[in-house]
C-alpha cells in the first residue's frame, strides 16, 4: 500500500512511531489509523526530508496541540455566549496573523502591518 519494506516498518515500530496490534501468531496488523500515521511518516521523511527523531517531535507537538484544543474547548463551553464569541473572534484573527487593536473599535490588524508601523516610528 505504501511501498514500505518490512524492515522499515519494524524500524518505525522500534522507534515508537507506530504500534500495530498483533495476531495470535504474532503477525503485525495495521489499523486504518496506523496506515494514516504511516502515510504522514512517509510524507515527512520522503518528501520533506525529516529524520525519524524529527518525526517523533512533530507527532508529540501534534498531540500537545490536540490536548490544548480539548482544554480550550472545555474552557469555552463554560463561558457565556458574548464572551465566547469575542474570544473566538480574536482566535480566528490570530490564525491569519491578526491582532486586536487598542484604538477605538474592536477591529483586527495584520501583525506584519503593526511591525511596519513600529519600524516607521523608529525612523
PDB file of N, CA and C in Angstrom:
ATOM      1  N   UNK A   1       0.813  -1.209   0.000  1.00  0.00           N
ATOM      2  CA  UNK A   1       0.000   0.000   0.000  1.00  0.00           C
ATOM      3  C   UNK A   1       0.851   1.266   0.000  1.00  0.00           C
ATOM      4  N   UNK A   2       1.851   1.286   0.857  1.00  0.00           N
ATOM      5  CA  UNK A   2       2.673   2.484   0.999  1.00  0.00           C
ATOM      6  C   UNK A   2       4.081   2.304   0.451  1.00  0.00           C
ATOM      7  N   UNK A   3       4.325   1.146  -0.138  1.00  0.00           N
ATOM      8  CA  UNK A   3       5.634   0.847  -0.706  1.00  0.00           C
ATOM      9  C   UNK A   3       6.739   0.953   0.360  1.00  0.00           C
ATOM     10  N   UNK A   4       6.487   0.308   1.500  1.00  0.00           N
ATOM     11  CA  UNK A   4       7.458   0.293   2.587  1.00  0.00           C
ATOM     12  C   UNK A   4       7.984  -1.124   2.789  1.00  0.00           C
ATOM     13  N   UNK A   5       9.253  -1.235   2.994  1.00  0.00           N
ATOM     14  CA  UNK A   5       9.883  -2.518   3.247  1.00  0.00           C
ATOM     15  C   UNK A   5       9.549  -2.966   4.673  1.00  0.00           C
ATOM     16  N   UNK A   6       9.522  -4.294   4.885  1.00  0.00           N
ATOM     17  CA  UNK A   6       9.229  -4.827   6.219  1.00  0.00           C
ATOM     18  C   UNK A   6      10.199  -4.298   7.272  1.00  0.00           C
ATOM     19  N   UNK A   7      11.458  -4.164   6.904  1.00  0.00           N
ATOM     20  CA  UNK A   7      12.458  -3.653   7.852  1.00  0.00           C
ATOM     21  C   UNK A   7      12.141  -2.209   8.245  1.00  0.00           C
ATOM     22  N   UNK A   8      11.642  -1.444   7.290  1.00  0.00           N
ATOM     23  CA  UNK A   8      11.280  -0.054   7.565  1.00  0.00           C
ATOM     24  C   UNK A   8      10.133  -0.011   8.572  1.00  0.00           C
ATOM     25  N   UNK A   9       9.133  -0.866   8.360  1.00  0.00           N
ATOM     26  CA  UNK A   9       8.009  -0.938   9.292  1.00  0.00           C
ATOM     27  C   UNK A   9       8.477  -1.353  10.682  1.00  0.00           C
ATOM     28  N   UNK A  10       9.392  -2.298  10.723  1.00  0.00           N
ATOM     29  CA  UNK A  10       9.936  -2.735  12.021  1.00  0.00           C
ATOM     30  C   UNK A  10      10.675  -1.593  12.709  1.00  0.00           C
ATOM     31  N   UNK A  11      11.449  -0.838  11.932  1.00  0.00           N
ATOM     32  CA  UNK A  11      12.197   0.308  12.472  1.00  0.00           C
ATOM     33  C   UNK A  11      11.238   1.344  13.039  1.00  0.00           C
ATOM     34  N   UNK A  12      10.158   1.644  12.324  1.00  0.00           N
ATOM     35  CA  UNK A  12       9.164   2.607  12.805  1.00  0.00           C
ATOM     36  C   UNK A  12       8.537   2.121  14.110  1.00  0.00           C
ATOM     37  N   UNK A  13       8.323   0.826  14.186  1.00  0.00           N
ATOM     38  CA  UNK A  13       7.757   0.258  15.409  1.00  0.00           C
ATOM     39  C   UNK A  13       8.782   0.345  16.554  1.00  0.00           C
ATOM     40  N   UNK A  14      10.036   0.031  16.279  1.00  0.00           N
ATOM     41  CA  UNK A  14      11.099   0.123  17.293  1.00  0.00           C
ATOM     42  C   UNK A  14      11.227   1.544  17.819  1.00  0.00           C
ATOM     43  N   UNK A  15      11.066   2.506  16.930  1.00  0.00           N
ATOM     44  CA  UNK A  15      11.186   3.920  17.302  1.00  0.00           C
ATOM     45  C   UNK A  15       9.943   4.426  18.029  1.00  0.00           C
ATOM     46  N   UNK A  16       8.892   3.611  18.068  1.00  0.00           N
ATOM     47  CA  UNK A  16       7.667   4.014  18.743  1.00  0.00           C
ATOM     48  C   UNK A  16       6.772   4.919  17.926  1.00  0.00           C
ATOM     49  N   UNK A  17       7.028   4.983  16.622  1.00  0.00           N
ATOM     50  CA  UNK A  17       6.240   5.858  15.762  1.00  0.00           C
ATOM     51  C   UNK A  17       4.901   5.245  15.378  1.00  0.00           C
ATOM     52  N   UNK A  18       4.833   3.922  15.415  1.00  0.00           N
ATOM     53  CA  UNK A  18       3.595   3.208  15.105  1.00  0.00           C
ATOM     54  C   UNK A  18       3.549   1.961  15.983  1.00  0.00           C
ATOM     55  N   UNK A  19       2.346   1.602  16.415  1.00  0.00           N
ATOM     56  CA  UNK A  19       2.200   0.434  17.295  1.00  0.00           C
ATOM     57  C   UNK A  19       1.071  -0.446  16.768  1.00  0.00           C
ATOM     58  N   UNK A  20       1.399  -1.305  15.800  1.00  0.00           N
ATOM     59  CA  UNK A  20       0.351  -2.178  15.267  1.00  0.00           C
ATOM     60  C   UNK A  20      -0.038  -3.255  16.279  1.00  0.00           C
ATOM     61  N   UNK A  21      -1.264  -3.716  16.161  1.00  0.00           N
ATOM     62  CA  UNK A  21      -1.669  -4.839  17.014  1.00  0.00           C
ATOM     63  C   UNK A  21      -1.064  -6.111  16.423  1.00  0.00           C
ATOM     64  N   UNK A  22      -1.187  -7.209  17.148  1.00  0.00           N
ATOM     65  CA  UNK A  22      -0.620  -8.487  16.696  1.00  0.00           C
ATOM     66  C   UNK A  22      -1.696  -9.560  16.688  1.00  0.00           C
ATOM     67  N   UNK A  23      -1.591 -10.430  15.716  1.00  0.00           N
ATOM     68  CA  UNK A  23      -2.476 -11.595  15.687  1.00  0.00           C
ATOM     69  C   UNK A  23      -1.940 -12.615  16.694  1.00  0.00           C
ATOM     70  N   UNK A  24      -2.694 -13.685  16.912  1.00  0.00           N
ATOM     71  CA  UNK A  24      -2.232 -14.729  17.839  1.00  0.00           C
ATOM     72  C   UNK A  24      -0.898 -15.311  17.395  1.00  0.00           C
ATOM     73  N   UNK A  25      -0.667 -15.333  16.111  1.00  0.00           N
ATOM     74  CA  UNK A  25       0.590 -15.862  15.581  1.00  0.00           C
ATOM     75  C   UNK A  25       1.715 -14.840  15.570  1.00  0.00           C
ATOM     76  N   UNK A  26       1.435 -13.586  15.998  1.00  0.00           N
ATOM     77  CA  UNK A  26       2.470 -12.564  16.063  1.00  0.00           C
ATOM     78  C   UNK A  26       2.562 -11.680  14.826  1.00  0.00           C
ATOM     79  N   UNK A  27       1.671 -11.884  13.866  1.00  0.00           N
ATOM     80  CA  UNK A  27       1.690 -11.062  12.655  1.00  0.00           C
ATOM     81  C   UNK A  27       1.202  -9.652  12.985  1.00  0.00           C
ATOM     82  N   UNK A  28       1.936  -8.658  12.480  1.00  0.00           N
ATOM     83  CA  UNK A  28       1.531  -7.269  12.695  1.00  0.00           C
ATOM     84  C   UNK A  28       0.238  -6.993  11.928  1.00  0.00           C
ATOM     85  N   UNK A  29      -0.691  -6.320  12.602  1.00  0.00           N
ATOM     86  CA  UNK A  29      -1.964  -5.965  11.965  1.00  0.00           C
ATOM     87  C   UNK A  29      -2.141  -4.454  12.104  1.00  0.00           C
ATOM     88  N   UNK A  30      -2.146  -3.771  10.962  1.00  0.00           N
ATOM     89  CA  UNK A  30      -2.206  -2.309  10.948  1.00  0.00           C
ATOM     90  C   UNK A  30      -3.644  -1.841  10.777  1.00  0.00           C
ATOM     91  N   UNK A  31      -4.084  -0.983  11.691  1.00  0.00           N
ATOM     92  CA  UNK A  31      -5.425  -0.399  11.604  1.00  0.00           C
ATOM     93  C   UNK A  31      -5.405   0.747  10.592  1.00  0.00           C
ATOM     94  N   UNK A  32      -6.574   1.264  10.294  1.00  0.00           N
ATOM     95  CA  UNK A  32      -6.658   2.410   9.387  1.00  0.00           C
ATOM     96  C   UNK A  32      -5.907   3.603   9.987  1.00  0.00           C
ATOM     97  N   UNK A  33      -5.996   3.773  11.303  1.00  0.00           N
ATOM     98  CA  UNK A  33      -5.265   4.847  11.980  1.00  0.00           C
ATOM     99  C   UNK A  33      -3.760   4.657  11.824  1.00  0.00           C
ATOM    100  N   UNK A  34      -3.294   3.413  11.958  1.00  0.00           N
ATOM    101  CA  UNK A  34      -1.869   3.119  11.760  1.00  0.00           C
ATOM    102  C   UNK A  34      -1.438   3.473  10.345  1.00  0.00           C
ATOM    103  N   UNK A  35      -2.264   3.099   9.368  1.00  0.00           N
ATOM    104  CA  UNK A  35      -1.938   3.367   7.962  1.00  0.00           C
ATOM    105  C   UNK A  35      -1.861   4.876   7.717  1.00  0.00           C
ATOM    106  N   UNK A  36      -2.798   5.627   8.272  1.00  0.00           N
ATOM    107  CA  UNK A  36      -2.766   7.089   8.109  1.00  0.00           C
ATOM    108  C   UNK A  36      -1.521   7.674   8.756  1.00  0.00           C
ATOM    109  N   UNK A  37      -1.158   7.151   9.907  1.00  0.00           N
ATOM    110  CA  UNK A  37       0.055   7.618  10.596  1.00  0.00           C
ATOM    111  C   UNK A  37       1.286   7.289   9.743  1.00  0.00           C
ATOM    112  N   UNK A  38       1.309   6.103   9.155  1.00  0.00           N
ATOM    113  CA  UNK A  38       2.420   5.730   8.271  1.00  0.00           C
ATOM    114  C   UNK A  38       2.483   6.639   7.049  1.00  0.00           C
ATOM    115  N   UNK A  39       1.322   7.022   6.523  1.00  0.00           N
ATOM    116  CA  UNK A  39       1.305   7.959   5.381  1.00  0.00           C
ATOM    117  C   UNK A  39       1.982   9.277   5.759  1.00  0.00           C
ATOM    118  N   UNK A  40       1.697   9.762   6.955  1.00  0.00           N
ATOM    119  CA  UNK A  40       2.309  11.012   7.419  1.00  0.00           C
ATOM    120  C   UNK A  40       3.817  10.818   7.571  1.00  0.00           C
ATOM    121  N   UNK A  41       4.225   9.708   8.154  1.00  0.00           N
ATOM    122  CA  UNK A  41       5.659   9.426   8.319  1.00  0.00           C
ATOM    123  C   UNK A  41       6.352   9.410   6.963  1.00  0.00           C
ATOM    124  N   UNK A  42       5.761   8.718   5.997  1.00  0.00           N
ATOM    125  CA  UNK A  42       6.336   8.632   4.655  1.00  0.00           C
ATOM    126  C   UNK A  42       6.435  10.024   4.035  1.00  0.00           C
ATOM    127  N   UNK A  43       5.392  10.814   4.171  1.00  0.00           N
ATOM    128  CA  UNK A  43       5.397  12.164   3.621  1.00  0.00           C
ATOM    129  C   UNK A  43       6.490  13.015   4.258  1.00  0.00           C
ATOM    130  N   UNK A  44       6.596  12.950   5.570  1.00  0.00           N
ATOM    131  CA  UNK A  44       7.606  13.748   6.262  1.00  0.00           C
ATOM    132  C   UNK A  44       9.025  13.317   5.908  1.00  0.00           C
ATOM    133  N   UNK A  45       9.251  12.012   5.836  1.00  0.00           N
ATOM    134  CA  UNK A  45      10.611  11.529   5.584  1.00  0.00           C
ATOM    135  C   UNK A  45      11.007  11.620   4.118  1.00  0.00           C
ATOM    136  N   UNK A  46      10.135  11.188   3.228  1.00  0.00           N
ATOM    137  CA  UNK A  46      10.492  11.170   1.797  1.00  0.00           C
ATOM    138  C   UNK A  46      10.369  12.528   1.134  1.00  0.00           C
ATOM    139  N   UNK A  47       9.277  13.212   1.407  1.00  0.00           N
ATOM    140  CA  UNK A  47       9.016  14.458   0.689  1.00  0.00           C
ATOM    141  C   UNK A  47       9.669  15.670   1.344  1.00  0.00           C
ATOM    142  N   UNK A  48       9.753  15.659   2.677  1.00  0.00           N
ATOM    143  CA  UNK A  48      10.284  16.822   3.376  1.00  0.00           C
ATOM    144  C   UNK A  48      11.670  16.599   3.971  1.00  0.00           C
ATOM    145  N   UNK A  49      12.150  15.352   3.933  1.00  0.00           N
ATOM    146  CA  UNK A  49      13.499  15.063   4.411  1.00  0.00           C
ATOM    147  C   UNK A  49      13.656  15.093   5.923  1.00  0.00           C
ATOM    148  N   UNK A  50      12.566  14.920   6.651  1.00  0.00           N
ATOM    149  CA  UNK A  50      12.622  14.920   8.110  1.00  0.00           C
ATOM    150  C   UNK A  50      13.144  13.566   8.581  1.00  0.00           C
ATOM    151  N   UNK A  51      14.080  13.580   9.547  1.00  0.00           N
ATOM    152  CA  UNK A  51      14.568  12.306  10.077  1.00  0.00           C
ATOM    153  C   UNK A  51      13.578  11.775  11.109  1.00  0.00           C
ATOM    154  N   UNK A  52      13.789  10.533  11.574  1.00  0.00           N
ATOM    155  CA  UNK A  52      12.833   9.894  12.481  1.00  0.00           C
ATOM    156  C   UNK A  52      12.709  10.616  13.816  1.00  0.00           C
ATOM    157  N   UNK A  53      13.797  11.200  14.293  1.00  0.00           N
ATOM    158  CA  UNK A  53      13.720  11.978  15.535  1.00  0.00           C
ATOM    159  C   UNK A  53      12.823  13.196  15.330  1.00  0.00           C
ATOM    160  N   UNK A  54      12.925  13.815  14.162  1.00  0.00           N
ATOM    161  CA  UNK A  54      12.064  14.953  13.833  1.00  0.00           C
ATOM    162  C   UNK A  54      10.609  14.547  13.718  1.00  0.00           C
ATOM    163  N   UNK A  55      10.371  13.381  13.137  1.00  0.00           N
ATOM    164  CA  UNK A  55       9.004  12.861  13.023  1.00  0.00           C
ATOM    165  C   UNK A  55       8.414  12.682  14.413  1.00  0.00           C
ATOM    166  N   UNK A  56       9.205  12.138  15.325  1.00  0.00           N
ATOM    167  CA  UNK A  56       8.734  11.931  16.695  1.00  0.00           C
ATOM    168  C   UNK A  56       8.375  13.267  17.349  1.00  0.00           C
ATOM    169  N   UNK A  57       9.211  14.274  17.155  1.00  0.00           N
ATOM    170  CA  UNK A  57       8.941  15.596  17.720  1.00  0.00           C
ATOM    171  C   UNK A  57       7.657  16.177  17.127  1.00  0.00           C
ATOM    172  N   UNK A  58       7.474  16.037  15.835  1.00  0.00           N
ATOM    173  CA  UNK A  58       6.275  16.545  15.166  1.00  0.00           C
ATOM    174  C   UNK A  58       5.028  15.859  15.716  1.00  0.00           C
ATOM    175  N   UNK A  59       5.072  14.547  15.867  1.00  0.00           N
ATOM    176  CA  UNK A  59       3.921  13.815  16.420  1.00  0.00           C
ATOM    177  C   UNK A  59       3.626  14.257  17.851  1.00  0.00           C
ATOM    178  N   UNK A  60       4.674  14.440  18.638  1.00  0.00           N
ATOM    179  CA  UNK A  60       4.484  14.876  20.028  1.00  0.00           C
ATOM    180  C   UNK A  60       3.847  16.269  20.068  1.00  0.00           C
ATOM    181  N   UNK A  61       4.309  17.157  19.195  1.00  0.00           N
ATOM    182  CA  UNK A  61       3.745  18.505  19.129  1.00  0.00           C
ATOM    183  C   UNK A  61       2.282  18.473  18.685  1.00  0.00           C
ATOM    184  N   UNK A  62       1.976  17.613  17.734  1.00  0.00           N
ATOM    185  CA  UNK A  62       0.584  17.484  17.287  1.00  0.00           C
ATOM    186  C   UNK A  62      -0.318  17.018  18.430  1.00  0.00           C
ATOM    187  N   UNK A  63       0.177  16.062  19.210  1.00  0.00           N
ATOM    188  CA  UNK A  63      -0.592  15.567  20.354  1.00  0.00           C
ATOM    189  C   UNK A  63      -0.801  16.671  21.387  1.00  0.00           C
ATOM    190  N   UNK A  64       0.238  17.466  21.629  1.00  0.00           N
ATOM    191  CA  UNK A  64       0.122  18.569  22.582  1.00  0.00           C
ATOM    192  C   UNK A  64      -0.872  19.615  22.083  1.00  0.00           C
ATOM    193  N   UNK A  65      -0.849  19.906  20.796  1.00  0.00           N
ATOM    194  CA  UNK A  65      -1.806  20.862  20.229  1.00  0.00           C
ATOM    195  C   UNK A  65      -3.237  20.359  20.355  1.00  0.00           C
ATOM    196  N   UNK A  66      -3.423  19.067  20.110  1.00  0.00           N
ATOM    197  CA  UNK A  66      -4.764  18.486  20.259  1.00  0.00           C
ATOM    198  C   UNK A  66      -5.246  18.577  21.703  1.00  0.00           C
ATOM    199  N   UNK A  67      -4.343  18.317  22.647  1.00  0.00           N
ATOM    200  CA  UNK A  67      -4.700  18.419  24.057  1.00  0.00           C
ATOM    201  C   UNK A  67      -5.051  19.862  24.418  1.00  0.00           C
ATOM    202  N   UNK A  68      -4.283  20.810  23.921  1.00  0.00           N
ATOM    203  CA  UNK A  68      -4.579  22.215  24.170  1.00  0.00           C
ATOM    204  C   UNK A  68      -5.930  22.604  23.582  1.00  0.00           C
ATOM    205  N   UNK A  69      -6.238  22.077  22.415  1.00  0.00           N
ATOM    206  CA  UNK A  69      -7.531  22.361  21.788  1.00  0.00           C
ATOM    207  C   UNK A  69      -8.667  21.803  22.630  1.00  0.00           C
ATOM    208  N   UNK A  70      -8.500  20.585  23.140  1.00  0.00           N
ATOM    209  CA  UNK A  70      -9.535  19.995  24.007  1.00  0.00           C
ATOM    210  C   UNK A  70      -9.745  20.845  25.263  1.00  0.00           C
ATOM    211  N   UNK A  71      -8.635  21.307  25.845  1.00  0.00           N
ATOM    212  CA  UNK A  71      -8.736  22.142  27.034  1.00  0.00           C
ATOM    213  C   UNK A  71      -9.434  23.463  26.716  1.00  0.00           C
ATOM    214  N   UNK A  72      -9.083  24.071  25.583  1.00  0.00           N
ATOM    215  CA  UNK A  72      -9.700  25.331  25.178  1.00  0.00           C
ATOM    216  C   UNK A  72     -11.194  25.141  24.946  1.00  0.00           C
ATOM    217  N   UNK A  73     -11.563  24.041  24.325  1.00  0.00           N
ATOM    218  CA  UNK A  73     -12.989  23.758  24.100  1.00  0.00           C
ATOM    219  C   UNK A  73     -13.740  23.649  25.422  1.00  0.00           C
ATOM    220  N   UNK A  74     -13.133  22.986  26.410  1.00  0.00           N
ATOM    221  CA  UNK A  74     -13.761  22.868  27.732  1.00  0.00           C
ATOM    222  C   UNK A  74     -13.929  24.238  28.388  1.00  0.00           C
ATOM    223  N   UNK A  75     -12.916  25.060  28.280  1.00  0.00           N
ATOM    224  CA  UNK A  75     -12.981  26.414  28.866  1.00  0.00           C
ATOM    225  C   UNK A  75     -14.056  27.240  28.171  1.00  0.00           C
ATOM    226  N   UNK A  76     -14.081  27.191  26.835  1.00  0.00           N
ATOM    227  CA  UNK A  76     -15.049  27.981  26.078  1.00  0.00           C
ATOM    228  C   UNK A  76     -16.484  27.576  26.393  1.00  0.00           C
ATOM    229  N   UNK A  77     -16.715  26.302  26.643  1.00  0.00           N
ATOM    230  CA  UNK A  77     -18.066  25.831  26.965  1.00  0.00           C
ATOM    231  C   UNK A  77     -18.582  26.427  28.264  1.00  0.00           C
ATOM    232  N   UNK A  78     -17.685  26.827  29.141  1.00  0.00           N
ATOM    233  CA  UNK A  78     -18.086  27.369  30.433  1.00  0.00           C
ATOM    234  C   UNK A  78     -18.358  28.877  30.397  1.00  0.00           C
ATOM    235  N   UNK A  79     -18.070  29.530  29.277  1.00  0.00           N
ATOM    236  CA  UNK A  79     -18.254  30.977  29.168  1.00  0.00           C
ATOM    237  C   UNK A  79     -19.631  31.316  28.617  1.00  0.00           C
ATOM    238  N   UNK A  80     -20.102  32.538  28.929  1.00  0.00           N
ATOM    239  CA  UNK A  80     -21.362  32.986  28.341  1.00  0.00           C
ATOM    240  C   UNK A  80     -21.144  33.276  26.852  1.00  0.00           C
ATOM    241  N   UNK A  81     -22.217  33.298  26.097  1.00  0.00           N
ATOM    242  CA  UNK A  81     -22.144  33.414  24.634  1.00  0.00           C
ATOM    243  C   UNK A  81     -21.376  34.651  24.149  1.00  0.00           C
ATOM    244  N   UNK A  82     -21.653  35.868  24.649  1.00  0.00           N
ATOM    245  CA  UNK A  82     -20.917  37.040  24.149  1.00  0.00           C
ATOM    246  C   UNK A  82     -19.409  36.948  24.399  1.00  0.00           C
ATOM    247  N   UNK A  83     -19.028  36.481  25.576  1.00  0.00           N
ATOM    248  CA  UNK A  83     -17.602  36.352  25.893  1.00  0.00           C
ATOM    249  C   UNK A  83     -16.963  35.303  25.003  1.00  0.00           C
ATOM    250  N   UNK A  84     -17.659  34.181  24.821  1.00  0.00           N
ATOM    251  CA  UNK A  84     -17.145  33.110  23.966  1.00  0.00           C
ATOM    252  C   UNK A  84     -16.931  33.616  22.541  1.00  0.00           C
ATOM    253  N   UNK A  85     -17.913  34.357  21.997  1.00  0.00           N
ATOM    254  CA  UNK A  85     -17.798  34.884  20.634  1.00  0.00           C
ATOM    255  C   UNK A  85     -16.647  35.880  20.505  1.00  0.00           C
ATOM    256  N   UNK A  86     -16.452  36.698  21.528  1.00  0.00           N
ATOM    257  CA  UNK A  86     -15.364  37.666  21.498  1.00  0.00           C
ATOM    258  C   UNK A  86     -14.006  36.949  21.474  1.00  0.00           C
ATOM    259  N   UNK A  87     -13.864  35.944  22.311  1.00  0.00           N
ATOM    260  CA  UNK A  87     -12.609  35.182  22.349  1.00  0.00           C
ATOM    261  C   UNK A  87     -12.387  34.451  21.027  1.00  0.00           C
ATOM    262  N   UNK A  88     -13.420  33.826  20.499  1.00  0.00           N
ATOM    263  CA  UNK A  88     -13.293  33.119  19.224  1.00  0.00           C
ATOM    264  C   UNK A  88     -12.933  34.071  18.100  1.00  0.00           C
ATOM    265  N   UNK A  89     -13.461  35.275  18.131  1.00  0.00           N
ATOM    266  CA  UNK A  89     -13.136  36.273  17.115  1.00  0.00           C
ATOM    267  C   UNK A  89     -11.644  36.604  17.139  1.00  0.00           C
ATOM    268  N   UNK A  90     -11.111  36.787  18.335  1.00  0.00           N
ATOM    269  CA  UNK A  90      -9.677  37.075  18.469  1.00  0.00           C
ATOM    270  C   UNK A  90      -8.859  35.881  18.009  1.00  0.00           C
ATOM    271  N   UNK A  91      -9.279  34.664  18.394  1.00  0.00           N
ATOM    272  CA  UNK A  91      -8.541  33.465  17.994  1.00  0.00           C
ATOM    273  C   UNK A  91      -8.562  33.273  16.482  1.00  0.00           C
ATOM    274  N   UNK A  92      -9.694  33.524  15.854  1.00  0.00           N
ATOM    275  CA  UNK A  92      -9.766  33.411  14.392  1.00  0.00           C
ATOM    276  C   UNK A  92      -8.809  34.396  13.736  1.00  0.00           C
ATOM    277  N   UNK A  93      -8.731  35.584  14.284  1.00  0.00           N
ATOM    278  CA  UNK A  93      -7.810  36.585  13.759  1.00  0.00           C
ATOM    279  C   UNK A  93      -6.369  36.159  13.899  1.00  0.00           C
ATOM    280  N   UNK A  94      -6.046  35.495  15.012  1.00  0.00           N
ATOM    281  CA  UNK A  94      -4.674  35.044  15.248  1.00  0.00           C
ATOM    282  C   UNK A  94      -4.241  34.024  14.201  1.00  0.00           C
ATOM    283  N   UNK A  95      -5.193  33.232  13.683  1.00  0.00           N
ATOM    284  CA  UNK A  95      -4.865  32.260  12.636  1.00  0.00           C
ATOM    285  C   UNK A  95      -4.312  32.941  11.398  1.00  0.00           C
ATOM    286  N   UNK A  96      -4.760  34.163  11.155  1.00  0.00           N
ATOM    287  CA  UNK A  96      -4.371  34.878   9.940  1.00  0.00           C
ATOM    288  C   UNK A  96      -3.329  35.951  10.217  1.00  0.00           C
ATOM    289  N   UNK A  97      -2.684  35.879  11.379  1.00  0.00           N
ATOM    290  CA  UNK A  97      -1.672  36.867  11.709  1.00  0.00           C
ATOM    291  C   UNK A  97      -2.275  38.194  12.105  1.00  0.00           C
ATOM    292  N   UNK A  98      -3.505  38.177  12.606  1.00  0.00           N
ATOM    293  CA  UNK A  98      -4.168  39.406  13.010  1.00  0.00           C
ATOM    294  C   UNK A  98      -4.122  39.548  14.522  1.00  0.00           C
ATOM    295  N   UNK A  99      -4.050  40.785  14.980  1.00  0.00           N
ATOM    296  CA  UNK A  99      -4.069  41.049  16.415  1.00  0.00           C
ATOM    297  C   UNK A  99      -5.097  42.130  16.699  1.00  0.00           C
ATOM    298  N   UNK A 100      -5.716  42.114  17.895  1.00  0.00           N
ATOM    299  CA  UNK A 100      -6.702  43.150  18.223  1.00  0.00           C
ATOM    300  C   UNK A 100      -6.021  44.503  18.404  1.00  0.00           C
ATOM    301  N   UNK A 101      -6.693  45.567  18.005  1.00  0.00           N
ATOM    302  CA  UNK A 101      -6.156  46.905  18.184  1.00  0.00           C
ATOM    303  C   UNK A 101      -6.627  47.464  19.510  1.00  0.00           C
ATOM    304  N   UNK A 102      -5.884  48.403  20.050  1.00  0.00           N
ATOM    305  CA  UNK A 102      -6.264  49.050  21.307  1.00  0.00           C
ATOM    306  C   UNK A 102      -6.914  50.405  21.044  1.00  0.00           C
ATOM    307  N   UNK A 103      -7.003  50.807  19.804  1.00  0.00           N
ATOM    308  CA  UNK A 103      -7.652  52.071  19.465  1.00  0.00           C
ATOM    309  C   UNK A 103      -9.154  51.885  19.458  1.00  0.00           C
ATOM    310  N   UNK A 104      -9.872  52.927  19.159  1.00  0.00           N
ATOM    311  CA  UNK A 104     -11.335  52.840  19.157  1.00  0.00           C
ATOM    312  C   UNK A 104     -11.804  51.747  18.217  1.00  0.00           C
ATOM    313  N   UNK A 105     -12.828  51.071  18.592  1.00  0.00           N
ATOM    314  CA  UNK A 105     -13.347  49.959  17.801  1.00  0.00           C
ATOM    315  C   UNK A 105     -12.724  48.652  18.249  1.00  0.00           C
ATOM    316  N   UNK A 106     -13.195  47.583  17.664  1.00  0.00           N
ATOM    317  CA  UNK A 106     -12.673  46.261  18.046  1.00  0.00           C
ATOM    318  C   UNK A 106     -12.100  45.551  16.830  1.00  0.00           C
ATOM    319  N   UNK A 107     -11.527  46.302  15.897  1.00  0.00           N
ATOM    320  CA  UNK A 107     -11.000  45.712  14.673  1.00  0.00           C
ATOM    321  C   UNK A 107      -9.728  44.919  14.893  1.00  0.00           C
ATOM    322  N   UNK A 108      -9.324  44.248  13.852  1.00  0.00           N
ATOM    323  CA  UNK A 108      -8.096  43.463  13.867  1.00  0.00           C
ATOM    324  C   UNK A 108      -7.156  44.014  12.811  1.00  0.00           C
ATOM    325  N   UNK A 109      -5.856  43.969  13.077  1.00  0.00           N
ATOM    326  CA  UNK A 109      -4.851  44.492  12.163  1.00  0.00           C
ATOM    327  C   UNK A 109      -3.833  43.394  11.895  1.00  0.00           C
ATOM    328  N   UNK A 110      -3.335  43.338  10.662  1.00  0.00           N
ATOM    329  CA  UNK A 110      -2.291  42.365  10.345  1.00  0.00           C
ATOM    330  C   UNK A 110      -1.054  42.621  11.194  1.00  0.00           C
ATOM    331  N   UNK A 111      -0.511  41.563  11.779  1.00  0.00           N
ATOM    332  CA  UNK A 111       0.681  41.671  12.617  1.00  0.00           C
ATOM    333  C   UNK A 111       1.836  42.283  11.821  1.00  0.00           C
ATOM    334  N   UNK A 112       1.972  41.926  10.550  1.00  0.00           N
ATOM    335  CA  UNK A 112       3.047  42.476   9.724  1.00  0.00           C
ATOM    336  C   UNK A 112       2.876  43.980   9.533  1.00  0.00           C
ATOM    337  N   UNK A 113       1.631  44.456   9.458  1.00  0.00           N
ATOM    338  CA  UNK A 113       1.369  45.889   9.333  1.00  0.00           C
ATOM    339  C   UNK A 113       1.816  46.612  10.598  1.00  0.00           C
ATOM    340  N   UNK A 114       1.560  46.004  11.751  1.00  0.00           N
ATOM    341  CA  UNK A 114       1.991  46.612  13.010  1.00  0.00           C
ATOM    342  C   UNK A 114       3.513  46.729  13.063  1.00  0.00           C
ATOM    343  N   UNK A 115       4.215  45.705  12.563  1.00  0.00           N
ATOM    344  CA  UNK A 115       5.675  45.763  12.536  1.00  0.00           C
ATOM    345  C   UNK A 115       6.143  46.894  11.635  1.00  0.00           C
ATOM    346  N   UNK A 116       5.478  47.062  10.498  1.00  0.00           N
ATOM    347  CA  UNK A 116       5.828  48.131   9.571  1.00  0.00           C
ATOM    348  C   UNK A 116       5.624  49.485  10.224  1.00  0.00           C
ATOM    349  N   UNK A 117       4.503  49.663  10.895  1.00  0.00           N
ATOM    350  CA  UNK A 117       4.208  50.936  11.562  1.00  0.00           C
ATOM    351  C   UNK A 117       5.233  51.200  12.652  1.00  0.00           C
ATOM    352  N   UNK A 118       5.560  50.185  13.439  1.00  0.00           N
ATOM    353  CA  UNK A 118       6.522  50.342  14.519  1.00  0.00           C
ATOM    354  C   UNK A 118       7.896  50.715  13.971  1.00  0.00           C
ATOM    355  N   UNK A 119       8.275  50.127  12.854  1.00  0.00           N
ATOM    356  CA  UNK A 119       9.571  50.426  12.231  1.00  0.00           C
ATOM    357  C   UNK A 119       9.604  51.858  11.725  1.00  0.00           C
ATOM    358  N   UNK A 120       8.507  52.315  11.124  1.00  0.00           N
ATOM    359  CA  UNK A 120       8.434  53.677  10.606  1.00  0.00           C
ATOM    360  C   UNK A 120       8.546  54.699  11.731  1.00  0.00           C
ATOM    361  N   UNK A 121       7.978  54.410  12.897  1.00  0.00           N
ATOM    362  CA  UNK A 121       8.026  55.332  14.025  1.00  0.00           C
ATOM    363  C   UNK A 121       9.447  55.462  14.561  1.00  0.00           C
ATOM    364  N   UNK A 122      10.240  54.386  14.458  1.00  0.00           N
ATOM    365  CA  UNK A 122      11.610  54.406  14.944  1.00  0.00           C
ATOM    366  C   UNK A 122      12.497  55.273  14.070  1.00  0.00           C
ATOM    367  N   UNK A 123      12.162  55.385  12.769  1.00  0.00           N
ATOM    368  CA  UNK A 123      12.999  56.148  11.817  1.00  0.00           C
ATOM    369  C   UNK A 123      12.877  57.621  11.969  1.00  0.00           C
TER     370      UNK A 123
END
